[in-house]
Amino acid sequence: MIKITHAPWKEIIIHEIIEHKLDDFLQLRCIGVAPGGLGKPLLWIDGLALDRTSMLETESIVQEKLAGKLHWSSLSYALMPKFKAMVVLREGNVRIPIINVSNSPFFQAVSKWLKETR
């Protein structure tokens, strides 16, 4: 029989945090997207739209991950009070998917921390 183990992250280390106005954040998702195209998705939790960038998978970063420490080189976010599964920007008719991650304890912790520290 296969043993399955769940090992949640012990620590998230965020090296840069950038807060945007929602309109600016959505416009950033349109850069390089053809008119009528689909932009890179955003994550949504509890009134925040988020995007994160992981650090490159160097040997030392992989060792940190195995020890339960997740490194993000950046976390960008904007206030987005109401969830929408898709946002369509008028200019260029670009669609930005929004993924609701409210059921994730991991992202609940990130949202709570952001709201308490920002």
N, C-alpha and C. Protein backbone atom coordinates (compact mmCIF):
# COMPACT_ATOMS: atom_id res chain seq x y z
N MET A 1 0.83 -1.17 0.00
CA MET A 1 0.00 0.00 0.00
C MET A 1 0.88 1.25 0.00
N ILE A 2 0.42 2.29 -0.68
CA ILE A 2 1.16 3.54 -0.79
C ILE A 2 0.85 4.42 0.41
N LYS A 3 1.89 4.95 0.99
CA LYS A 3 1.72 5.90 2.10
C LYS A 3 1.61 7.30 1.50
N ILE A 4 0.62 8.05 1.94
CA ILE A 4 0.43 9.42 1.48
C ILE A 4 0.56 10.33 2.70
N THR A 5 1.40 11.35 2.55
CA THR A 5 1.63 12.29 3.64
C THR A 5 1.35 13.70 3.15
N HIS A 6 0.63 14.46 3.94
CA HIS A 6 0.42 15.87 3.63
C HIS A 6 1.37 16.68 4.51
N ALA A 7 2.21 17.49 3.90
CA ALA A 7 3.18 18.29 4.66
C ALA A 7 3.01 19.76 4.27
N PRO A 8 2.11 20.47 4.96
CA PRO A 8 1.90 21.88 4.63
C PRO A 8 3.17 22.71 4.81
N TRP A 9 3.22 23.82 4.10
CA TRP A 9 4.35 24.72 4.25
C TRP A 9 4.44 25.21 5.68
N LYS A 10 5.65 25.33 6.19
CA LYS A 10 5.87 25.84 7.54
C LYS A 10 6.07 27.35 7.53
N GLU A 11 6.59 27.85 6.41
CA GLU A 11 6.92 29.27 6.32
C GLU A 11 6.88 29.72 4.87
N ILE A 12 6.38 30.92 4.66
CA ILE A 12 6.42 31.55 3.34
C ILE A 12 7.29 32.79 3.49
N ILE A 13 8.29 32.90 2.67
CA ILE A 13 9.19 34.04 2.72
C ILE A 13 8.93 34.85 1.45
N ILE A 14 8.45 36.08 1.64
CA ILE A 14 8.11 36.96 0.51
C ILE A 14 9.16 38.05 0.47
N HIS A 15 9.87 38.13 -0.64
CA HIS A 15 10.98 39.06 -0.74
C HIS A 15 10.58 40.45 -1.20
N GLU A 16 9.45 40.59 -1.88
CA GLU A 16 8.97 41.90 -2.31
C GLU A 16 7.45 41.86 -2.36
N ILE A 17 6.82 42.90 -1.84
CA ILE A 17 5.35 43.01 -1.86
C ILE A 17 4.98 44.30 -2.55
N ILE A 18 4.09 44.19 -3.53
CA ILE A 18 3.67 45.35 -4.31
C ILE A 18 2.15 45.44 -4.28
N GLU A 19 1.64 46.57 -3.79
CA GLU A 19 0.20 46.80 -3.82
C GLU A 19 -0.12 47.70 -5.00
N HIS A 20 -1.14 47.32 -5.77
CA HIS A 20 -1.58 48.09 -6.94
C HIS A 20 -3.01 48.54 -6.75
N LYS A 21 -3.41 49.55 -7.51
CA LYS A 21 -4.83 49.83 -7.68
C LYS A 21 -5.35 48.75 -8.62
N LEU A 22 -6.59 48.32 -8.41
CA LEU A 22 -7.12 47.20 -9.19
C LEU A 22 -7.04 47.44 -10.69
N ASP A 23 -7.43 48.64 -11.16
CA ASP A 23 -7.39 48.91 -12.60
C ASP A 23 -5.98 48.77 -13.15
N ASP A 24 -4.99 49.27 -12.42
CA ASP A 24 -3.60 49.15 -12.86
C ASP A 24 -3.15 47.69 -12.88
N PHE A 25 -3.55 46.95 -11.85
CA PHE A 25 -3.18 45.53 -11.75
C PHE A 25 -3.74 44.75 -12.94
N LEU A 26 -4.98 45.01 -13.28
CA LEU A 26 -5.59 44.32 -14.42
C LEU A 26 -4.93 44.73 -15.72
N GLN A 27 -4.58 46.00 -15.86
CA GLN A 27 -3.89 46.46 -17.08
C GLN A 27 -2.55 45.76 -17.24
N LEU A 28 -1.86 45.52 -16.14
CA LEU A 28 -0.57 44.81 -16.21
C LEU A 28 -0.74 43.41 -16.80
N ARG A 29 -1.91 42.81 -16.57
CA ARG A 29 -2.17 41.46 -17.09
C ARG A 29 -2.36 41.47 -18.60
N CYS A 30 -2.54 42.65 -19.19
CA CYS A 30 -2.80 42.76 -20.63
C CYS A 30 -1.54 42.95 -21.46
N ILE A 31 -0.45 43.26 -20.79
CA ILE A 31 0.79 43.52 -21.53
C ILE A 31 1.17 42.29 -22.34
N GLY A 32 1.32 42.48 -23.64
CA GLY A 32 1.72 41.39 -24.53
C GLY A 32 0.60 40.45 -24.94
N VAL A 33 -0.64 40.74 -24.53
CA VAL A 33 -1.78 39.89 -24.89
C VAL A 33 -2.46 40.48 -26.12
N ALA A 34 -2.68 39.67 -27.12
CA ALA A 34 -3.33 40.12 -28.35
C ALA A 34 -4.77 40.53 -28.05
N PRO A 35 -5.30 41.51 -28.79
CA PRO A 35 -6.71 41.90 -28.61
C PRO A 35 -7.63 40.68 -28.69
N GLY A 36 -8.55 40.60 -27.74
CA GLY A 36 -9.46 39.47 -27.68
C GLY A 36 -8.86 38.26 -26.99
N GLY A 37 -7.62 38.39 -26.53
CA GLY A 37 -6.92 37.26 -25.92
C GLY A 37 -7.23 37.06 -24.44
N LEU A 38 -6.58 36.07 -23.90
CA LEU A 38 -6.74 35.69 -22.50
C LEU A 38 -5.47 36.03 -21.75
N GLY A 39 -5.59 36.87 -20.72
CA GLY A 39 -4.45 37.25 -19.91
C GLY A 39 -4.15 36.20 -18.87
N LYS A 40 -3.03 36.39 -18.18
CA LYS A 40 -2.63 35.47 -17.11
C LYS A 40 -3.62 35.58 -15.95
N PRO A 41 -4.08 34.46 -15.40
CA PRO A 41 -5.06 34.50 -14.31
C PRO A 41 -4.52 35.14 -13.04
N LEU A 42 -5.45 35.66 -12.26
CA LEU A 42 -5.16 36.15 -10.92
C LEU A 42 -5.84 35.22 -9.92
N LEU A 43 -5.34 35.21 -8.71
CA LEU A 43 -5.97 34.46 -7.63
C LEU A 43 -6.80 35.44 -6.81
N TRP A 44 -7.94 35.00 -6.27
CA TRP A 44 -8.78 35.85 -5.44
C TRP A 44 -9.06 35.16 -4.12
N ILE A 45 -8.94 35.93 -3.04
CA ILE A 45 -9.31 35.43 -1.73
C ILE A 45 -9.71 36.60 -0.85
N ASP A 46 -10.90 36.53 -0.30
CA ASP A 46 -11.36 37.44 0.74
C ASP A 46 -11.10 38.91 0.41
N GLY A 47 -11.47 39.33 -0.79
CA GLY A 47 -11.36 40.74 -1.15
C GLY A 47 -10.03 41.16 -1.73
N LEU A 48 -9.13 40.21 -1.99
CA LEU A 48 -7.83 40.52 -2.58
C LEU A 48 -7.62 39.74 -3.87
N ALA A 49 -7.08 40.40 -4.88
CA ALA A 49 -6.61 39.73 -6.08
C ALA A 49 -5.10 39.63 -5.94
N LEU A 50 -4.56 38.44 -6.16
CA LEU A 50 -3.14 38.17 -5.90
C LEU A 50 -2.44 37.57 -7.11
N ASP A 51 -1.14 37.81 -7.17
CA ASP A 51 -0.26 37.10 -8.08
C ASP A 51 1.07 36.95 -7.35
N ARG A 52 1.71 35.83 -7.54
CA ARG A 52 3.00 35.61 -6.89
C ARG A 52 3.97 35.02 -7.89
N THR A 53 5.24 35.32 -7.64
CA THR A 53 6.31 34.81 -8.49
C THR A 53 7.26 34.03 -7.60
N SER A 54 7.45 32.76 -7.93
CA SER A 54 8.37 31.92 -7.15
C SER A 54 9.81 32.22 -7.52
N MET A 55 10.69 31.93 -6.60
CA MET A 55 12.12 32.08 -6.88
C MET A 55 12.57 30.94 -7.79
N LEU A 56 13.64 31.17 -8.50
CA LEU A 56 14.19 30.13 -9.37
C LEU A 56 14.57 28.90 -8.55
N GLU A 57 14.42 27.76 -9.14
CA GLU A 57 14.67 26.48 -8.45
C GLU A 57 16.17 26.16 -8.39
N THR A 58 16.89 26.90 -7.59
CA THR A 58 18.30 26.59 -7.38
C THR A 58 18.39 25.45 -6.36
N GLU A 59 19.57 24.91 -6.22
CA GLU A 59 19.76 23.82 -5.26
C GLU A 59 19.41 24.25 -3.83
N SER A 60 19.80 25.47 -3.47
CA SER A 60 19.51 25.94 -2.11
C SER A 60 18.02 26.21 -1.91
N ILE A 61 17.33 26.70 -2.93
CA ILE A 61 15.89 26.93 -2.82
C ILE A 61 15.15 25.61 -2.70
N VAL A 62 15.57 24.62 -3.45
CA VAL A 62 14.95 23.30 -3.34
C VAL A 62 15.15 22.73 -1.94
N GLN A 63 16.33 22.90 -1.37
CA GLN A 63 16.59 22.44 -0.01
C GLN A 63 15.67 23.14 1.00
N GLU A 64 15.48 24.45 0.79
CA GLU A 64 14.58 25.21 1.66
C GLU A 64 13.15 24.68 1.52
N LYS A 65 12.73 24.42 0.30
CA LYS A 65 11.37 23.89 0.07
C LYS A 65 11.19 22.55 0.76
N LEU A 66 12.17 21.68 0.67
CA LEU A 66 12.08 20.38 1.32
C LEU A 66 12.00 20.53 2.84
N ALA A 67 12.53 21.63 3.35
CA ALA A 67 12.45 21.90 4.79
C ALA A 67 11.15 22.63 5.16
N GLY A 68 10.30 22.91 4.16
CA GLY A 68 9.01 23.53 4.44
C GLY A 68 8.97 25.04 4.27
N LYS A 69 10.03 25.62 3.70
CA LYS A 69 10.08 27.07 3.51
C LYS A 69 9.90 27.40 2.03
N LEU A 70 8.85 28.13 1.73
CA LEU A 70 8.54 28.52 0.36
C LEU A 70 9.01 29.95 0.15
N HIS A 71 9.78 30.20 -0.91
CA HIS A 71 10.27 31.54 -1.23
C HIS A 71 9.52 32.07 -2.45
N TRP A 72 8.92 33.26 -2.28
CA TRP A 72 8.36 34.00 -3.41
C TRP A 72 9.25 35.21 -3.63
N SER A 73 9.68 35.42 -4.86
CA SER A 73 10.47 36.62 -5.11
C SER A 73 9.58 37.85 -5.02
N SER A 74 8.29 37.71 -5.38
CA SER A 74 7.38 38.85 -5.23
C SER A 74 5.94 38.38 -5.06
N LEU A 75 5.18 39.23 -4.41
CA LEU A 75 3.73 39.06 -4.26
C LEU A 75 3.11 40.40 -4.64
N SER A 76 2.27 40.39 -5.66
CA SER A 76 1.56 41.59 -6.09
C SER A 76 0.09 41.39 -5.76
N TYR A 77 -0.56 42.48 -5.35
CA TYR A 77 -1.97 42.34 -5.02
C TYR A 77 -2.70 43.66 -5.19
N ALA A 78 -4.03 43.56 -5.25
CA ALA A 78 -4.91 44.72 -5.30
C ALA A 78 -6.19 44.37 -4.56
N LEU A 79 -6.83 45.38 -4.01
CA LEU A 79 -8.13 45.17 -3.38
C LEU A 79 -9.16 44.90 -4.47
N MET A 80 -9.93 43.83 -4.29
CA MET A 80 -10.99 43.45 -5.23
C MET A 80 -12.13 42.90 -4.38
N PRO A 81 -12.99 43.79 -3.87
CA PRO A 81 -13.99 43.38 -2.88
C PRO A 81 -14.88 42.21 -3.29
N LYS A 82 -15.31 42.18 -4.54
CA LYS A 82 -16.23 41.12 -4.97
C LYS A 82 -15.55 40.19 -5.97
N PHE A 83 -15.80 38.90 -5.81
CA PHE A 83 -15.24 37.91 -6.73
C PHE A 83 -15.99 37.93 -8.05
N LYS A 84 -15.23 37.88 -9.14
CA LYS A 84 -15.76 37.70 -10.49
C LYS A 84 -14.89 36.64 -11.14
N ALA A 85 -15.50 35.67 -11.79
CA ALA A 85 -14.73 34.59 -12.41
C ALA A 85 -13.91 35.07 -13.61
N MET A 86 -14.33 36.20 -14.21
CA MET A 86 -13.64 36.72 -15.37
C MET A 86 -13.82 38.23 -15.38
N VAL A 87 -12.75 38.94 -15.68
CA VAL A 87 -12.83 40.38 -15.87
C VAL A 87 -12.46 40.64 -17.32
N VAL A 88 -13.30 41.41 -18.01
CA VAL A 88 -13.04 41.76 -19.41
C VAL A 88 -12.69 43.23 -19.47
N LEU A 89 -11.51 43.52 -19.98
CA LEU A 89 -11.08 44.90 -20.10
C LEU A 89 -11.52 45.45 -21.45
N ARG A 90 -12.11 46.62 -21.41
CA ARG A 90 -12.65 47.21 -22.65
C ARG A 90 -11.58 47.41 -23.70
N GLU A 91 -10.46 47.99 -23.30
CA GLU A 91 -9.38 48.20 -24.25
C GLU A 91 -8.81 46.86 -24.67
N GLY A 92 -8.95 46.52 -25.91
CA GLY A 92 -8.41 45.27 -26.43
C GLY A 92 -9.26 44.05 -26.17
N ASN A 93 -10.36 44.23 -25.43
CA ASN A 93 -11.25 43.10 -25.14
C ASN A 93 -10.48 41.91 -24.55
N VAL A 94 -9.53 42.18 -23.68
CA VAL A 94 -8.73 41.12 -23.05
C VAL A 94 -9.48 40.58 -21.85
N ARG A 95 -9.52 39.26 -21.73
CA ARG A 95 -10.18 38.59 -20.62
C ARG A 95 -9.14 38.12 -19.60
N ILE A 96 -9.41 38.43 -18.34
CA ILE A 96 -8.51 38.01 -17.25
C ILE A 96 -9.29 37.04 -16.37
N PRO A 97 -8.92 35.76 -16.36
CA PRO A 97 -9.57 34.81 -15.46
C PRO A 97 -9.19 35.09 -14.00
N ILE A 98 -10.15 34.92 -13.11
CA ILE A 98 -9.90 35.09 -11.68
C ILE A 98 -10.25 33.76 -11.02
N ILE A 99 -9.30 33.20 -10.29
CA ILE A 99 -9.49 31.89 -9.65
C ILE A 99 -9.73 32.09 -8.17
N ASN A 100 -10.86 31.61 -7.69
CA ASN A 100 -11.22 31.74 -6.28
C ASN A 100 -10.49 30.66 -5.48
N VAL A 101 -9.57 31.08 -4.62
CA VAL A 101 -8.81 30.14 -3.79
C VAL A 101 -9.21 30.25 -2.32
N SER A 102 -10.44 30.70 -2.08
CA SER A 102 -10.92 30.91 -0.71
C SER A 102 -10.93 29.66 0.14
N ASN A 103 -11.01 28.50 -0.48
CA ASN A 103 -11.05 27.25 0.29
C ASN A 103 -9.66 26.72 0.63
N SER A 104 -8.62 27.48 0.32
CA SER A 104 -7.25 27.04 0.58
C SER A 104 -6.74 27.63 1.90
N PRO A 105 -6.45 26.79 2.90
CA PRO A 105 -5.87 27.29 4.15
C PRO A 105 -4.56 28.05 3.91
N PHE A 106 -3.81 27.63 2.93
CA PHE A 106 -2.55 28.28 2.56
C PHE A 106 -2.80 29.74 2.17
N PHE A 107 -3.72 29.96 1.22
CA PHE A 107 -3.99 31.32 0.77
C PHE A 107 -4.80 32.11 1.80
N GLN A 108 -5.57 31.44 2.64
CA GLN A 108 -6.25 32.13 3.74
C GLN A 108 -5.21 32.75 4.67
N ALA A 109 -4.15 32.01 4.94
CA ALA A 109 -3.07 32.51 5.81
C ALA A 109 -2.37 33.70 5.16
N VAL A 110 -2.12 33.64 3.86
CA VAL A 110 -1.48 34.75 3.15
C VAL A 110 -2.36 35.99 3.20
N SER A 111 -3.66 35.82 2.93
CA SER A 111 -4.60 36.94 2.95
C SER A 111 -4.66 37.58 4.34
N LYS A 112 -4.78 36.77 5.35
CA LYS A 112 -4.86 37.27 6.73
C LYS A 112 -3.60 38.04 7.09
N TRP A 113 -2.44 37.49 6.75
CA TRP A 113 -1.18 38.14 7.05
C TRP A 113 -1.07 39.49 6.33
N LEU A 114 -1.43 39.51 5.05
CA LEU A 114 -1.38 40.77 4.28
C LEU A 114 -2.26 41.84 4.92
N LYS A 115 -3.47 41.45 5.28
CA LYS A 115 -4.41 42.42 5.86
C LYS A 115 -3.93 42.93 7.22
N GLU A 116 -3.25 42.10 7.96
CA GLU A 116 -2.76 42.51 9.29
C GLU A 116 -1.50 43.35 9.22
N THR A 117 -0.71 43.18 8.17
CA THR A 117 0.59 43.87 8.11
C THR A 117 0.61 45.04 7.14
N ARG A 118 -0.36 45.18 6.29
CA ARG A 118 -0.35 46.26 5.29
C ARG A 118 -1.29 47.36 5.66
